[in-house]
Protein backbone atom coordinates (compact mmCIF):
# COMPACT_ATOMS: atom_id res chain seq x y z
CA MET A 1 -95.21 -67.91 17.79
CA CYS A 2 -92.95 -69.03 14.97
CA GLY A 3 -95.71 -69.32 12.40
CA ALA A 4 -97.34 -65.99 13.17
CA SER A 5 -96.53 -63.12 10.87
CA ALA A 6 -95.07 -59.95 12.37
CA PRO A 7 -97.51 -57.03 12.61
CA LEU A 8 -97.29 -54.57 9.77
CA LEU A 9 -95.94 -51.13 10.67
CA ALA A 10 -97.37 -48.06 9.01
CA PRO A 11 -94.73 -46.33 6.90
CA SER A 12 -93.41 -43.04 8.24
CA LEU A 13 -95.24 -40.02 6.85
CA PRO A 14 -93.97 -36.52 6.22
CA PRO A 15 -94.89 -33.88 8.81
CA CYS A 16 -98.29 -32.18 8.55
CA LEU A 17 -99.87 -35.30 6.88
CA PRO A 18 -101.96 -37.35 9.34
CA PRO A 19 -101.76 -41.12 8.80
CA SER A 20 -104.59 -42.47 6.63
CA PRO A 21 -106.40 -45.66 7.63
CA PRO A 22 -105.62 -48.79 5.61
CA PRO A 23 -107.65 -48.92 2.40
CA SER A 24 -109.23 -52.22 3.46
CA SER A 25 -110.86 -50.58 6.50
CA LEU A 26 -112.74 -47.99 4.41
CA PRO A 27 -116.29 -48.70 3.30
CA ALA A 28 -116.52 -49.50 -0.36
CA SER A 29 -119.04 -46.75 -0.91
CA LEU A 30 -116.77 -44.00 0.42
CA PRO A 31 -113.72 -42.80 -1.53
CA ALA A 32 -110.47 -42.37 0.31
CA SER A 33 -110.08 -38.89 1.77
CA PRO A 34 -107.36 -36.75 0.23
CA PRO A 35 -104.46 -36.05 2.56
CA ALA A 36 -104.86 -32.95 4.67
CA SER A 37 -102.78 -30.07 3.42
CA CYS A 38 -100.42 -28.12 5.63
CA PRO A 39 -101.68 -24.79 6.93
CA PRO A 40 -100.12 -21.86 5.12
CA ALA A 41 -96.88 -20.77 6.71
CA ALA A 42 -96.92 -17.47 8.52
CA SER A 43 -95.59 -14.59 6.48
CA LEU A 44 -91.89 -14.11 7.08
CA SER A 45 -91.64 -10.83 5.24
CA PRO A 46 -90.04 -8.15 7.43
CA PRO A 47 -91.99 -5.08 8.52
CA ALA A 48 -91.57 -1.77 6.74
CA GLU A 49 -87.94 -1.09 6.00
CA VAL A 50 -86.25 0.69 8.83
CA LEU A 51 -83.89 3.54 8.20
CA LYS A 52 -80.98 3.33 10.58
CA LEU A 53 -78.63 6.27 10.88
CA GLY A 54 -76.09 6.47 13.66
CA GLY A 55 -78.19 4.38 16.03
CA TRP A 56 -81.48 6.17 15.24
CA GLN A 57 -84.29 4.18 13.63
CA GLN A 58 -87.39 5.29 11.81
CA SER A 59 -89.84 3.66 9.42
CA ARG A 60 -89.07 4.17 5.73
CA SER A 61 -92.66 5.38 5.28
CA ALA A 62 -91.66 8.68 6.86
CA ARG A 63 -89.46 9.37 3.85
CA ASP A 64 -92.45 9.15 1.53
CA GLU A 65 -94.29 12.07 3.07
CA PRO A 66 -94.89 14.87 0.56
CA HIS A 67 -92.55 17.83 0.75
CA GLN A 68 -93.96 20.81 2.60
CA PRO A 69 -92.37 24.22 1.99
CA PHE A 70 -90.98 26.10 4.94
CA PRO A 71 -93.32 28.65 6.50
CA GLY A 72 -92.47 31.97 4.90
CA SER A 73 -90.33 30.39 2.20
CA LEU A 74 -90.15 31.66 -1.35
CA SER A 75 -92.19 28.76 -2.69
CA ALA A 76 -94.85 29.36 -0.06
CA ASN A 77 -94.94 33.13 -0.64
CA ARG A 78 -94.16 33.43 -4.34
CA THR A 79 -97.56 35.00 -4.94
CA GLN A 80 -96.56 37.89 -2.69
CA PRO A 81 -93.60 39.63 -4.39
CA GLY A 82 -91.59 41.75 -2.03
CA GLY A 83 -93.38 40.07 0.84
CA GLY A 84 -92.30 39.04 4.30
CA GLY A 85 -89.12 37.46 5.56
CA LEU A 86 -88.05 33.86 5.31
CA THR A 87 -87.29 33.13 8.94
CA VAL A 88 -87.85 29.53 9.99
CA ARG A 89 -88.74 28.73 13.57
CA ASN A 90 -86.63 26.33 15.59
CA GLU A 91 -89.37 23.69 15.54
CA ASP A 92 -89.45 23.90 11.73
CA ARG A 93 -85.69 23.55 11.57
CA GLY A 94 -85.91 20.27 13.43
CA ASP A 95 -88.12 18.71 10.76
CA ASN A 96 -86.25 16.57 8.29
CA ALA A 97 -88.29 14.08 6.33
CA GLY A 98 -86.71 10.67 6.39
CA ARG A 99 -84.58 11.47 9.41
CA PRO A 100 -85.27 10.85 13.08
CA THR A 101 -86.69 13.76 14.99
CA HIS A 102 -83.53 15.43 16.21
CA THR A 103 -83.15 18.95 17.51
CA THR A 104 -79.77 20.30 16.55
CA LYS A 105 -77.67 21.48 19.47
CA MET A 106 -76.78 24.72 17.71
CA GLU A 107 -80.12 26.41 18.41
CA SER A 108 -78.38 29.78 18.86
CA ILE A 109 -77.48 29.90 15.16
CA GLN A 110 -80.07 31.47 12.89
CA VAL A 111 -79.44 29.10 10.01
CA ILE A 112 -82.22 30.50 7.83
CA GLU A 113 -81.85 34.24 7.53
CA GLU A 114 -84.67 36.72 7.50
CA CYS A 115 -84.77 38.60 4.20
CA GLN A 116 -86.97 40.20 1.61
CA ASN A 117 -87.98 38.26 -1.48
CA PRO A 118 -85.35 38.72 -4.21
CA THR A 119 -85.90 40.59 -7.44
CA ALA A 120 -86.53 38.81 -10.74
CA ASP A 121 -83.00 39.63 -11.92
CA GLU A 122 -81.50 38.09 -8.78
CA ILE A 123 -83.51 34.89 -9.16
CA LEU A 124 -82.52 34.50 -12.80
CA SER A 125 -78.86 35.18 -12.00
CA TRP A 126 -78.72 32.20 -9.64
CA ALA A 127 -78.87 29.85 -12.62
CA GLN A 128 -75.58 31.31 -13.87
CA ASN A 129 -73.60 31.47 -10.66
CA PHE A 130 -73.71 29.18 -7.62
CA ASP A 131 -71.44 31.51 -5.65
CA LYS A 132 -73.81 34.42 -6.22
CA MET A 133 -76.78 32.39 -5.01
CA MET A 134 -74.93 31.28 -1.88
CA LYS A 135 -74.04 34.90 -1.05
CA THR A 136 -77.69 35.94 -0.81
CA PRO A 137 -79.91 34.94 2.13
CA ALA A 138 -82.90 34.42 -0.18
CA GLY A 139 -80.87 32.16 -2.46
CA ARG A 140 -79.64 30.06 0.44
CA ASN A 141 -83.16 29.77 1.82
CA LEU A 142 -84.57 28.46 -1.45
CA PHE A 143 -81.61 26.12 -1.95
CA ARG A 144 -82.10 24.74 1.54
CA GLU A 145 -85.75 24.07 0.75
CA PHE A 146 -84.64 22.02 -2.25
CA LEU A 147 -81.98 20.13 -0.26
CA ARG A 148 -84.66 19.21 2.22
CA THR A 149 -86.51 17.30 -0.52
CA GLU A 150 -83.31 15.33 -1.21
CA TYR A 151 -82.62 14.62 2.47
CA SER A 152 -79.29 16.46 2.28
CA GLU A 153 -80.23 19.62 4.16
CA GLU A 154 -77.45 19.00 6.66
CA ASN A 155 -74.84 20.03 4.06
CA LEU A 156 -76.10 23.61 4.00
CA LEU A 157 -76.69 23.68 7.75
CA PHE A 158 -73.08 22.64 8.33
CA TRP A 159 -71.79 25.27 5.91
CA LEU A 160 -73.82 27.98 7.64
CA ALA A 161 -72.65 26.85 11.08
CA CYS A 162 -69.04 27.15 9.91
CA GLU A 163 -69.73 30.66 8.59
CA ASP A 164 -71.15 31.58 11.98
CA LEU A 165 -68.10 30.17 13.77
CA LYS A 166 -65.77 32.34 11.67
CA LYS A 167 -67.37 35.48 13.11
CA GLU A 168 -66.59 34.58 16.73
CA GLN A 169 -63.71 36.09 18.68
CA ASN A 170 -64.43 34.96 22.22
CA LYS A 171 -62.30 31.89 22.92
CA LYS A 172 -64.85 30.15 25.14
CA VAL A 173 -67.63 30.69 22.60
CA ILE A 174 -65.37 29.39 19.84
CA GLU A 175 -64.63 26.22 21.80
CA GLU A 176 -68.31 25.64 22.55
CA LYS A 177 -69.49 26.20 18.97
CA ALA A 178 -66.67 24.08 17.58
CA ARG A 179 -67.71 21.23 19.85
CA LEU A 180 -71.38 21.55 18.89
CA ILE A 181 -70.55 21.58 15.18
CA TYR A 182 -68.58 18.38 15.68
CA GLU A 183 -71.42 16.69 17.55
CA ASP A 184 -74.06 17.81 15.07
CA TYR A 185 -72.31 17.26 11.73
CA ILE A 186 -69.00 15.41 12.11
CA SER A 187 -69.65 12.67 14.65
CA ILE A 188 -70.59 9.30 13.14
CA LEU A 189 -73.28 9.03 15.82
CA SER A 190 -75.12 12.09 14.56
CA PRO A 191 -78.16 11.70 12.27
CA LYS A 192 -76.97 14.90 10.53
CA GLU A 193 -73.45 13.67 9.78
CA VAL A 194 -72.01 15.12 6.57
CA SER A 195 -69.88 13.14 4.15
CA LEU A 196 -66.17 13.91 4.57
CA ASP A 197 -63.08 12.00 3.52
CA SER A 198 -60.61 10.57 6.03
CA ARG A 199 -57.98 13.25 5.39
CA VAL A 200 -60.35 16.07 6.33
CA ARG A 201 -61.52 14.17 9.40
CA GLU A 202 -57.94 13.80 10.58
CA VAL A 203 -57.43 17.55 10.21
CA ILE A 204 -60.56 18.22 12.24
CA ASN A 205 -59.48 15.85 15.01
CA ARG A 206 -56.14 17.66 15.29
CA ASN A 207 -57.83 21.06 15.30
CA LEU A 208 -60.10 20.03 18.17
CA LEU A 209 -57.07 20.15 20.45
CA ASP A 210 -56.92 23.91 19.91
CA PRO A 211 -60.21 25.11 18.37
CA SER A 212 -60.16 28.20 16.17
CA PRO A 213 -62.76 30.06 14.08
CA HIS A 214 -61.36 28.52 10.88
CA MET A 215 -60.81 24.97 12.11
CA TYR A 216 -63.49 23.53 9.80
CA GLU A 217 -62.35 25.38 6.70
CA ASP A 218 -61.23 22.26 4.78
CA ALA A 219 -64.45 20.43 5.62
CA GLN A 220 -66.54 23.45 4.72
CA LEU A 221 -64.86 23.73 1.32
CA GLN A 222 -65.41 20.04 0.63
CA ILE A 223 -69.14 20.28 1.41
CA TYR A 224 -69.46 23.52 -0.58
CA THR A 225 -67.90 21.80 -3.60
CA LEU A 226 -70.21 18.82 -3.15
CA MET A 227 -73.30 21.06 -3.16
CA HIS A 228 -72.02 22.97 -6.18
CA ARG A 229 -71.23 19.95 -8.35
CA ASP A 230 -73.89 17.52 -7.16
CA SER A 231 -76.94 19.33 -5.79
CA PHE A 232 -76.92 22.65 -7.64
CA PRO A 233 -77.58 21.24 -11.16
CA ARG A 234 -80.57 19.31 -9.84
CA PHE A 235 -81.79 22.40 -8.02
CA LEU A 236 -81.90 24.36 -11.29
CA ASN A 237 -84.02 21.58 -12.83
CA SER A 238 -86.26 21.21 -9.80
CA GLN A 239 -89.89 22.24 -9.67
CA ILE A 240 -89.06 24.52 -6.73
CA TYR A 241 -86.78 26.73 -8.82
CA LYS A 242 -88.67 26.42 -12.11
CA SER A 243 -91.97 27.40 -10.51
CA LEU A 244 -90.37 30.46 -8.97
CA VAL A 245 -88.87 31.50 -12.32
CA GLU A 246 -92.21 30.99 -14.07
CA SER A 247 -94.00 33.08 -11.47
CA ILE A 248 -91.63 36.05 -11.78
CA THR A 249 -91.33 35.90 -15.57
CA GLY A 250 -95.11 35.67 -15.88
CA SER A 251 -95.68 38.66 -13.64
CA THR A 252 -93.00 40.62 -15.54
CA SER A 253 -94.62 39.95 -18.93
CA GLU A 254 -98.03 41.03 -17.62
CA THR A 255 -96.64 44.38 -16.55
């Protein structure tokens, strides 16, 4: 019909807001209802941060676990001067807070040596000389315990594995240990990969063609220097070392 007015169309409304009835259709005694609000959006925050190293994943919360001293370590046995050895079992060696559970392939290497607790003079001398500390099994054991709290234990493990390789004379054993060291500490797929520059990696790749007891010498020196300049100063200021010094100086003054 020409005279009839076109039906009114309700204006388009934003999503989540249901259309309200025309004001004229509401009873006078009832106020207009407020528009319904949108339900709260689901949380888009990601789960706990995941640590990804060489294809391995683990929750960041694992890194926040309190440090536990190695069984038989100096910090665990400091109340027993001259006490038992510091051997760490293979299952203890596999523990590395903040890293995926990964058993190193070089299980034949005794990376933490059995030894007697050092004397007070030896412990105090470590603060003056990194080389002297690294030459003593007890010093290396305590330093490894500290590195474990910084998630850099693999640096010392690599250095010890290279020292072990230097002692070998059997060609087949040399080849096997050289391969395992590469898989454990050099390969980018390893969760225990150490930090080496490209020049040293090129040298290692060439040496793999003809493995020798000293094929990792450049890499070993680079990691040794890194521990000396970077980790050792923090070790001397750590609670692990300070507590040990306090325990031996206190017992000395009492006697």
